[in-house]
Amino acid sequence: MAVTATVRWRINPGHVSVAIPSYNFPYSIRDSSKMTMRGQQVELTGEVTRIDNETVTIALGPLVTVALDKVRLVDKYRPPKRKKPLRDLVD
């Protein structure tokens, strides 16, 4: 699952504070890019650990519980399958 967060401010050169919709606690992420600006949207992805009636708990490092309508389903990247091997396996 993925949730879209908004960058609030830069904490230090390697971390930024983000606001996650319907999550009322401070949250910071590592940011290797120096180009991240305040107000920019950032997608956070993690595995679902629990689904309740109206909330979803996602493992983003710590467990983050957000409203069900604030998350979206994303697929894992799967590399394309080759039709033939890169080289022949001849002894």
PDB file of N, CA and C in Angstrom:
ATOM      1  N   MET A   1       0.838  -1.164   0.000  1.00  0.00           N
ATOM      2  CA  MET A   1       0.000   0.000   0.000  1.00  0.00           C
ATOM      3  C   MET A   1       0.887   1.232   0.000  1.00  0.00           C
ATOM      4  N   ALA A   2       0.360   2.301  -0.483  1.00  0.00           N
ATOM      5  CA  ALA A   2       1.095   3.559  -0.530  1.00  0.00           C
ATOM      6  C   ALA A   2       0.206   4.669   0.000  1.00  0.00           C
ATOM      7  N   VAL A   3       0.833   5.624   0.636  1.00  0.00           N
ATOM      8  CA  VAL A   3       0.152   6.808   1.128  1.00  0.00           C
ATOM      9  C   VAL A   3       0.969   8.011   0.674  1.00  0.00           C
ATOM     10  N   THR A   4       0.295   9.078   0.281  1.00  0.00           N
ATOM     11  CA  THR A   4       0.978  10.277  -0.188  1.00  0.00           C
ATOM     12  C   THR A   4       1.104  11.256   0.967  1.00  0.00           C
ATOM     13  N   ALA A   5       2.341  11.635   1.272  1.00  0.00           N
ATOM     14  CA  ALA A   5       2.620  12.568   2.355  1.00  0.00           C
ATOM     15  C   ALA A   5       3.113  13.883   1.762  1.00  0.00           C
ATOM     16  N   THR A   6       3.009  14.960   2.542  1.00  0.00           N
ATOM     17  CA  THR A   6       3.454  16.283   2.114  1.00  0.00           C
ATOM     18  C   THR A   6       4.643  16.701   2.956  1.00  0.00           C
ATOM     19  N   VAL A   7       5.690  17.184   2.307  1.00  0.00           N
ATOM     20  CA  VAL A   7       6.895  17.630   3.014  1.00  0.00           C
ATOM     21  C   VAL A   7       6.568  18.909   3.782  1.00  0.00           C
ATOM     22  N   ARG A   8       6.902  18.930   5.070  1.00  0.00           N
ATOM     23  CA  ARG A   8       6.659  20.101   5.908  1.00  0.00           C
ATOM     24  C   ARG A   8       7.890  20.987   6.002  1.00  0.00           C
ATOM     25  N   TRP A   9       9.018  20.426   6.386  1.00  0.00           N
ATOM     26  CA  TRP A   9      10.268  21.178   6.468  1.00  0.00           C
ATOM     27  C   TRP A   9      11.442  20.224   6.529  1.00  0.00           C
ATOM     28  N   ARG A  10      12.627  20.767   6.309  1.00  0.00           N
ATOM     29  CA  ARG A  10      13.855  19.979   6.372  1.00  0.00           C
ATOM     30  C   ARG A  10      14.374  20.030   7.809  1.00  0.00           C
ATOM     31  N   ILE A  11      14.585  18.874   8.408  1.00  0.00           N
ATOM     32  CA  ILE A  11      15.083  18.781   9.776  1.00  0.00           C
ATOM     33  C   ILE A  11      16.592  18.989   9.791  1.00  0.00           C
ATOM     34  N   ASN A  12      17.296  18.256   8.947  1.00  0.00           N
ATOM     35  CA  ASN A  12      18.740  18.398   8.773  1.00  0.00           C
ATOM     36  C   ASN A  12      19.047  18.005   7.333  1.00  0.00           C
ATOM     37  N   PRO A  13      20.303  18.040   6.898  1.00  0.00           N
ATOM     38  CA  PRO A  13      20.577  17.748   5.484  1.00  0.00           C
ATOM     39  C   PRO A  13      20.130  16.364   5.010  1.00  0.00           C
ATOM     40  N   GLY A  14      19.905  15.421   5.898  1.00  0.00           N
ATOM     41  CA  GLY A  14      19.528  14.080   5.474  1.00  0.00           C
ATOM     42  C   GLY A  14      18.105  13.670   5.764  1.00  0.00           C
ATOM     43  N   HIS A  15      17.320  14.493   6.467  1.00  0.00           N
ATOM     44  CA  HIS A  15      15.957  14.114   6.848  1.00  0.00           C
ATOM     45  C   HIS A  15      14.988  15.273   6.625  1.00  0.00           C
ATOM     46  N   VAL A  16      13.731  14.905   6.289  1.00  0.00           N
ATOM     47  CA  VAL A  16      12.665  15.894   6.184  1.00  0.00           C
ATOM     48  C   VAL A  16      11.480  15.430   7.020  1.00  0.00           C
ATOM     49  N   SER A  17      10.725  16.375   7.517  1.00  0.00           N
ATOM     50  CA  SER A  17       9.501  16.088   8.248  1.00  0.00           C
ATOM     51  C   SER A  17       8.357  16.083   7.244  1.00  0.00           C
ATOM     52  N   VAL A  18       7.477  15.084   7.345  1.00  0.00           N
ATOM     53  CA  VAL A  18       6.348  14.984   6.427  1.00  0.00           C
ATOM     54  C   VAL A  18       5.049  14.908   7.203  1.00  0.00           C
ATOM     55  N   ALA A  19       3.982  15.366   6.572  1.00  0.00           N
ATOM     56  CA  ALA A  19       2.639  15.273   7.137  1.00  0.00           C
ATOM     57  C   ALA A  19       1.891  14.175   6.402  1.00  0.00           C
ATOM     58  N   ILE A  20       1.452  13.171   7.140  1.00  0.00           N
ATOM     59  CA  ILE A  20       0.700  12.062   6.569  1.00  0.00           C
ATOM     60  C   ILE A  20      -0.776  12.316   6.862  1.00  0.00           C
ATOM     61  N   PRO A  21      -1.631  12.291   5.833  1.00  0.00           N
ATOM     62  CA  PRO A  21      -3.056  12.551   6.063  1.00  0.00           C
ATOM     63  C   PRO A  21      -3.659  11.568   7.062  1.00  0.00           C
ATOM     64  N   SER A  22      -4.446  12.071   7.978  1.00  0.00           N
ATOM     65  CA  SER A  22      -5.165  11.331   9.023  1.00  0.00           C
ATOM     66  C   SER A  22      -4.244  10.641  10.019  1.00  0.00           C
ATOM     67  N   TYR A  23      -2.951  10.977  10.020  1.00  0.00           N
ATOM     68  CA  TYR A  23      -2.002  10.448  11.009  1.00  0.00           C
ATOM     69  C   TYR A  23      -1.517  11.646  11.801  1.00  0.00           C
ATOM     70  N   ASN A  24      -1.914  11.755  13.036  1.00  0.00           N
ATOM     71  CA  ASN A  24      -1.709  12.972  13.815  1.00  0.00           C
ATOM     72  C   ASN A  24      -0.444  12.964  14.656  1.00  0.00           C
ATOM     73  N   PHE A  25       0.617  12.357  14.143  1.00  0.00           N
ATOM     74  CA  PHE A  25       1.877  12.317  14.868  1.00  0.00           C
ATOM     75  C   PHE A  25       2.992  12.783  13.937  1.00  0.00           C
ATOM     76  N   PRO A  26       4.076  13.326  14.491  1.00  0.00           N
ATOM     77  CA  PRO A  26       5.186  13.736  13.624  1.00  0.00           C
ATOM     78  C   PRO A  26       5.855  12.521  12.999  1.00  0.00           C
ATOM     79  N   TYR A  27       6.303  12.679  11.763  1.00  0.00           N
ATOM     80  CA  TYR A  27       6.962  11.590  11.058  1.00  0.00           C
ATOM     81  C   TYR A  27       8.052  12.192  10.178  1.00  0.00           C
ATOM     82  N   SER A  28       9.224  11.592  10.209  1.00  0.00           N
ATOM     83  CA  SER A  28      10.312  12.078   9.365  1.00  0.00           C
ATOM     84  C   SER A  28      10.836  10.922   8.524  1.00  0.00           C
ATOM     85  N   ILE A  29      11.364  11.274   7.361  1.00  0.00           N
ATOM     86  CA  ILE A  29      11.915  10.274   6.460  1.00  0.00           C
ATOM     87  C   ILE A  29      13.308  10.699   6.042  1.00  0.00           C
ATOM     88  N   ARG A  30      14.101   9.733   5.633  1.00  0.00           N
ATOM     89  CA  ARG A  30      15.436  10.013   5.116  1.00  0.00           C
ATOM     90  C   ARG A  30      15.274  10.560   3.708  1.00  0.00           C
ATOM     91  N   ASP A  31      16.012  11.618   3.404  1.00  0.00           N
ATOM     92  CA  ASP A  31      15.926  12.245   2.092  1.00  0.00           C
ATOM     93  C   ASP A  31      17.328  12.484   1.569  1.00  0.00           C
ATOM     94  N   SER A  32      17.757  11.660   0.614  1.00  0.00           N
ATOM     95  CA  SER A  32      19.094  11.821   0.052  1.00  0.00           C
ATOM     96  C   SER A  32      19.132  12.922  -0.990  1.00  0.00           C
ATOM     97  N   SER A  33      17.970  13.287  -1.515  1.00  0.00           N
ATOM     98  CA  SER A  33      17.891  14.354  -2.510  1.00  0.00           C
ATOM     99  C   SER A  33      17.874  15.703  -1.807  1.00  0.00           C
ATOM    100  N   LYS A  34      18.681  16.604  -2.249  1.00  0.00           N
ATOM    101  CA  LYS A  34      18.706  17.947  -1.656  1.00  0.00           C
ATOM    102  C   LYS A  34      17.678  18.866  -2.311  1.00  0.00           C
ATOM    103  N   MET A  35      16.930  18.346  -3.291  1.00  0.00           N
ATOM    104  CA  MET A  35      15.989  19.164  -4.050  1.00  0.00           C
ATOM    105  C   MET A  35      14.564  19.114  -3.499  1.00  0.00           C
ATOM    106  N   THR A  36      14.316  18.375  -2.457  1.00  0.00           N
ATOM    107  CA  THR A  36      12.976  18.278  -1.898  1.00  0.00           C
ATOM    108  C   THR A  36      12.582  19.606  -1.280  1.00  0.00           C
ATOM    109  N   MET A  37      11.440  20.111  -1.681  1.00  0.00           N
ATOM    110  CA  MET A  37      10.972  21.427  -1.225  1.00  0.00           C
ATOM    111  C   MET A  37       9.731  21.276  -0.347  1.00  0.00           C
ATOM    112  N   ARG A  38       9.465  22.300   0.443  1.00  0.00           N
ATOM    113  CA  ARG A  38       8.280  22.325   1.287  1.00  0.00           C
ATOM    114  C   ARG A  38       7.022  22.288   0.410  1.00  0.00           C
ATOM    115  N   GLY A  39       6.063  21.455   0.787  1.00  0.00           N
ATOM    116  CA  GLY A  39       4.824  21.320   0.042  1.00  0.00           C
ATOM    117  C   GLY A  39       4.856  20.238  -1.023  1.00  0.00           C
ATOM    118  N   GLN A  40       6.018  19.665  -1.293  1.00  0.00           N
ATOM    119  CA  GLN A  40       6.142  18.626  -2.308  1.00  0.00           C
ATOM    120  C   GLN A  40       5.493  17.335  -1.820  1.00  0.00           C
ATOM    121  N   GLN A  41       4.871  16.590  -2.727  1.00  0.00           N
ATOM    122  CA  GLN A  41       4.224  15.326  -2.403  1.00  0.00           C
ATOM    123  C   GLN A  41       5.247  14.193  -2.490  1.00  0.00           C
ATOM    124  N   VAL A  42       5.234  13.292  -1.503  1.00  0.00           N
ATOM    125  CA  VAL A  42       6.141  12.153  -1.444  1.00  0.00           C
ATOM    126  C   VAL A  42       5.304  10.906  -1.226  1.00  0.00           C
ATOM    127  N   GLU A  43       5.583   9.851  -1.982  1.00  0.00           N
ATOM    128  CA  GLU A  43       4.843   8.598  -1.828  1.00  0.00           C
ATOM    129  C   GLU A  43       5.604   7.676  -0.879  1.00  0.00           C
ATOM    130  N   LEU A  44       4.934   7.211   0.156  1.00  0.00           N
ATOM    131  CA  LEU A  44       5.509   6.283   1.119  1.00  0.00           C
ATOM    132  C   LEU A  44       4.834   4.931   0.935  1.00  0.00           C
ATOM    133  N   THR A  45       5.627   3.885   0.771  1.00  0.00           N
ATOM    134  CA  THR A  45       5.059   2.557   0.562  1.00  0.00           C
ATOM    135  C   THR A  45       5.479   1.619   1.680  1.00  0.00           C
ATOM    136  N   GLY A  46       4.619   0.687   1.994  1.00  0.00           N
ATOM    137  CA  GLY A  46       4.907  -0.299   3.020  1.00  0.00           C
ATOM    138  C   GLY A  46       3.917  -1.440   2.944  1.00  0.00           C
ATOM    139  N   GLU A  47       4.151  -2.422   3.787  1.00  0.00           N
ATOM    140  CA  GLU A  47       3.274  -3.584   3.813  1.00  0.00           C
ATOM    141  C   GLU A  47       2.144  -3.374   4.812  1.00  0.00           C
ATOM    142  N   VAL A  48       0.984  -3.856   4.468  1.00  0.00           N
ATOM    143  CA  VAL A  48      -0.182  -3.752   5.345  1.00  0.00           C
ATOM    144  C   VAL A  48      -0.061  -4.788   6.440  1.00  0.00           C
ATOM    145  N   THR A  49      -0.248  -4.344   7.690  1.00  0.00           N
ATOM    146  CA  THR A  49      -0.215  -5.277   8.806  1.00  0.00           C
ATOM    147  C   THR A  49      -1.601  -5.528   9.386  1.00  0.00           C
ATOM    148  N   ARG A  50      -2.515  -4.568   9.215  1.00  0.00           N
ATOM    149  CA  ARG A  50      -3.856  -4.734   9.770  1.00  0.00           C
ATOM    150  C   ARG A  50      -4.840  -3.840   9.030  1.00  0.00           C
ATOM    151  N   ILE A  51      -6.045  -4.352   8.819  1.00  0.00           N
ATOM    152  CA  ILE A  51      -7.131  -3.576   8.233  1.00  0.00           C
ATOM    153  C   ILE A  51      -8.320  -3.668   9.165  1.00  0.00           C
ATOM    154  N   ASP A  52      -8.806  -2.506   9.624  1.00  0.00           N
ATOM    155  CA  ASP A  52     -10.008  -2.447  10.447  1.00  0.00           C
ATOM    156  C   ASP A  52     -11.145  -1.912   9.586  1.00  0.00           C
ATOM    157  N   ASN A  53     -12.244  -1.544  10.212  1.00  0.00           N
ATOM    158  CA  ASN A  53     -13.403  -1.053   9.469  1.00  0.00           C
ATOM    159  C   ASN A  53     -13.067   0.172   8.627  1.00  0.00           C
ATOM    160  N   GLU A  54     -12.414   1.164   9.211  1.00  0.00           N
ATOM    161  CA  GLU A  54     -12.144   2.414   8.510  1.00  0.00           C
ATOM    162  C   GLU A  54     -10.676   2.805   8.517  1.00  0.00           C
ATOM    163  N   THR A  55      -9.803   1.969   9.054  1.00  0.00           N
ATOM    164  CA  THR A  55      -8.381   2.305   9.127  1.00  0.00           C
ATOM    165  C   THR A  55      -7.514   1.174   8.594  1.00  0.00           C
ATOM    166  N   VAL A  56      -6.312   1.554   8.185  1.00  0.00           N
ATOM    167  CA  VAL A  56      -5.322   0.599   7.693  1.00  0.00           C
ATOM    168  C   VAL A  56      -4.021   0.885   8.423  1.00  0.00           C
ATOM    169  N   THR A  57      -3.348  -0.145   8.903  1.00  0.00           N
ATOM    170  CA  THR A  57      -2.047   0.003   9.544  1.00  0.00           C
ATOM    171  C   THR A  57      -0.992  -0.481   8.566  1.00  0.00           C
ATOM    172  N   ILE A  58      -0.029   0.420   8.279  1.00  0.00           N
ATOM    173  CA  ILE A  58       1.025   0.140   7.305  1.00  0.00           C
ATOM    174  C   ILE A  58       2.361   0.184   8.020  1.00  0.00           C
ATOM    175  N   ALA A  59       3.252  -0.741   7.691  1.00  0.00           N
ATOM    176  CA  ALA A  59       4.602  -0.761   8.260  1.00  0.00           C
ATOM    177  C   ALA A  59       5.502   0.109   7.388  1.00  0.00           C
ATOM    178  N   LEU A  60       5.766   1.324   7.839  1.00  0.00           N
ATOM    179  CA  LEU A  60       6.664   2.251   7.141  1.00  0.00           C
ATOM    180  C   LEU A  60       7.965   2.411   7.917  1.00  0.00           C
ATOM    181  N   GLY A  61       8.335   1.440   8.672  1.00  0.00           N
ATOM    182  CA  GLY A  61       9.364   1.547   9.694  1.00  0.00           C
ATOM    183  C   GLY A  61       8.593   1.350  10.983  1.00  0.00           C
ATOM    184  N   PRO A  62       8.123   2.431  11.588  1.00  0.00           N
ATOM    185  CA  PRO A  62       7.128   2.251  12.652  1.00  0.00           C
ATOM    186  C   PRO A  62       5.763   2.002  12.023  1.00  0.00           C
ATOM    187  N   LEU A  63       4.844   1.464  12.803  1.00  0.00           N
ATOM    188  CA  LEU A  63       3.495   1.226  12.292  1.00  0.00           C
ATOM    189  C   LEU A  63       2.740   2.540  12.231  1.00  0.00           C
ATOM    190  N   VAL A  64       2.121   2.807  11.091  1.00  0.00           N
ATOM    191  CA  VAL A  64       1.377   4.040  10.857  1.00  0.00           C
ATOM    192  C   VAL A  64      -0.054   3.655  10.528  1.00  0.00           C
ATOM    193  N   THR A  65      -1.021   4.188  11.281  1.00  0.00           N
ATOM    194  CA  THR A  65      -2.429   3.900  11.055  1.00  0.00           C
ATOM    195  C   THR A  65      -3.088   5.111  10.421  1.00  0.00           C
ATOM    196  N   VAL A  66      -3.660   4.918   9.238  1.00  0.00           N
ATOM    197  CA  VAL A  66      -4.298   6.007   8.502  1.00  0.00           C
ATOM    198  C   VAL A  66      -5.689   5.572   8.066  1.00  0.00           C
ATOM    199  N   ALA A  67      -6.480   6.545   7.624  1.00  0.00           N
ATOM    200  CA  ALA A  67      -7.822   6.257   7.145  1.00  0.00           C
ATOM    201  C   ALA A  67      -7.759   5.443   5.857  1.00  0.00           C
ATOM    202  N   LEU A  68      -8.743   4.613   5.649  1.00  0.00           N
ATOM    203  CA  LEU A  68      -8.785   3.713   4.506  1.00  0.00           C
ATOM    204  C   LEU A  68      -8.802   4.464   3.175  1.00  0.00           C
ATOM    205  N   ASP A  69      -9.444   5.634   3.136  1.00  0.00           N
ATOM    206  CA  ASP A  69      -9.525   6.372   1.877  1.00  0.00           C
ATOM    207  C   ASP A  69      -8.249   7.144   1.534  1.00  0.00           C
ATOM    208  N   LYS A  70      -7.244   7.136   2.405  1.00  0.00           N
ATOM    209  CA  LYS A  70      -5.990   7.849   2.165  1.00  0.00           C
ATOM    210  C   LYS A  70      -4.897   6.967   1.576  1.00  0.00           C
ATOM    211  N   VAL A  71      -5.150   5.681   1.431  1.00  0.00           N
ATOM    212  CA  VAL A  71      -4.139   4.771   0.902  1.00  0.00           C
ATOM    213  C   VAL A  71      -4.571   4.251  -0.462  1.00  0.00           C
ATOM    214  N   ARG A  72      -3.588   3.784  -1.215  1.00  0.00           N
ATOM    215  CA  ARG A  72      -3.904   3.173  -2.496  1.00  0.00           C
ATOM    216  C   ARG A  72      -3.030   1.943  -2.682  1.00  0.00           C
ATOM    217  N   LEU A  73      -3.513   1.019  -3.453  1.00  0.00           N
ATOM    218  CA  LEU A  73      -2.837  -0.237  -3.695  1.00  0.00           C
ATOM    219  C   LEU A  73      -1.795  -0.046  -4.795  1.00  0.00           C
ATOM    220  N   VAL A  74      -0.582  -0.492  -4.539  1.00  0.00           N
ATOM    221  CA  VAL A  74       0.476  -0.466  -5.555  1.00  0.00           C
ATOM    222  C   VAL A  74       1.033  -1.872  -5.698  1.00  0.00           C
ATOM    223  N   ASP A  75       1.500  -2.180  -6.882  1.00  0.00           N
ATOM    224  CA  ASP A  75       2.081  -3.499  -7.144  1.00  0.00           C
ATOM    225  C   ASP A  75       3.581  -3.431  -6.967  1.00  0.00           C
ATOM    226  N   LYS A  76       4.170  -4.554  -6.559  1.00  0.00           N
ATOM    227  CA  LYS A  76       5.617  -4.649  -6.474  1.00  0.00           C
ATOM    228  C   LYS A  76       6.191  -4.673  -7.880  1.00  0.00           C
ATOM    229  N   TYR A  77       7.413  -4.181  -8.020  1.00  0.00           N
ATOM    230  CA  TYR A  77       8.083  -4.238  -9.308  1.00  0.00           C
ATOM    231  C   TYR A  77       8.522  -5.668  -9.567  1.00  0.00           C
ATOM    232  N   ARG A  78       8.182  -6.162 -10.730  1.00  0.00           N
ATOM    233  CA  ARG A  78       8.621  -7.487 -11.152  1.00  0.00           C
ATOM    234  C   ARG A  78       9.346  -7.321 -12.474  1.00  0.00           C
ATOM    235  N   PRO A  79      10.606  -7.736 -12.545  1.00  0.00           N
ATOM    236  CA  PRO A  79      11.342  -7.567 -13.788  1.00  0.00           C
ATOM    237  C   PRO A  79      10.732  -8.420 -14.897  1.00  0.00           C
ATOM    238  N   PRO A  80      10.872  -7.973 -16.139  1.00  0.00           N
ATOM    239  CA  PRO A  80      10.311  -8.757 -17.243  1.00  0.00           C
ATOM    240  C   PRO A  80      11.005 -10.106 -17.371  1.00  0.00           C
ATOM    241  N   LYS A  81      10.271 -11.099 -17.813  1.00  0.00           N
ATOM    242  CA  LYS A  81      10.834 -12.433 -17.975  1.00  0.00           C
ATOM    243  C   LYS A  81      11.467 -12.546 -19.356  1.00  0.00           C
ATOM    244  N   ARG A  82      12.620 -13.160 -19.397  1.00  0.00           N
ATOM    245  CA  ARG A  82      13.329 -13.331 -20.666  1.00  0.00           C
ATOM    246  C   ARG A  82      12.754 -14.513 -21.432  1.00  0.00           C
ATOM    247  N   LYS A  83      12.710 -14.371 -22.752  1.00  0.00           N
ATOM    248  CA  LYS A  83      12.226 -15.469 -23.583  1.00  0.00           C
ATOM    249  C   LYS A  83      13.328 -16.482 -23.840  1.00  0.00           C
ATOM    250  N   LYS A  84      14.570 -16.014 -23.857  1.00  0.00           N
ATOM    251  CA  LYS A  84      15.693 -16.929 -24.021  1.00  0.00           C
ATOM    252  C   LYS A  84      16.804 -16.509 -23.057  1.00  0.00           C
ATOM    253  N   PRO A  85      17.658 -17.429 -22.664  1.00  0.00           N
ATOM    254  CA  PRO A  85      18.714 -17.082 -21.707  1.00  0.00           C
ATOM    255  C   PRO A  85      19.735 -16.119 -22.325  1.00  0.00           C
ATOM    256  N   LEU A  86      20.466 -15.422 -21.461  1.00  0.00           N
ATOM    257  CA  LEU A  86      21.476 -14.487 -21.934  1.00  0.00           C
ATOM    258  C   LEU A  86      22.594 -15.183 -22.682  1.00  0.00           C
ATOM    259  N   ARG A  87      22.956 -16.367 -22.253  1.00  0.00           N
ATOM    260  CA  ARG A  87      23.984 -17.141 -22.950  1.00  0.00           C
ATOM    261  C   ARG A  87      23.608 -18.615 -22.855  1.00  0.00           C
ATOM    262  N   ASP A  88      24.171 -19.389 -23.758  1.00  0.00           N
ATOM    263  CA  ASP A  88      23.904 -20.820 -23.756  1.00  0.00           C
ATOM    264  C   ASP A  88      24.676 -21.493 -22.621  1.00  0.00           C
ATOM    265  N   LEU A  89      24.042 -22.409 -21.970  1.00  0.00           N
ATOM    266  CA  LEU A  89      24.687 -23.148 -20.879  1.00  0.00           C
ATOM    267  C   LEU A  89      25.211 -24.470 -21.429  1.00  0.00           C
ATOM    268  N   VAL A  90      26.388 -24.404 -22.046  1.00  0.00           N
ATOM    269  CA  VAL A  90      27.004 -25.583 -22.664  1.00  0.00           C
ATOM    270  C   VAL A  90      28.239 -25.933 -21.876  1.00  0.00           C
ATOM    271  N   ASP A  91      28.416 -27.230 -21.546  1.00  0.00           N
ATOM    272  CA  ASP A  91      29.598 -27.659 -20.793  1.00  0.00           C
ATOM    273  C   ASP A  91      30.799 -27.770 -21.673  1.00  0.00           C
TER     274      ASP A  91
END
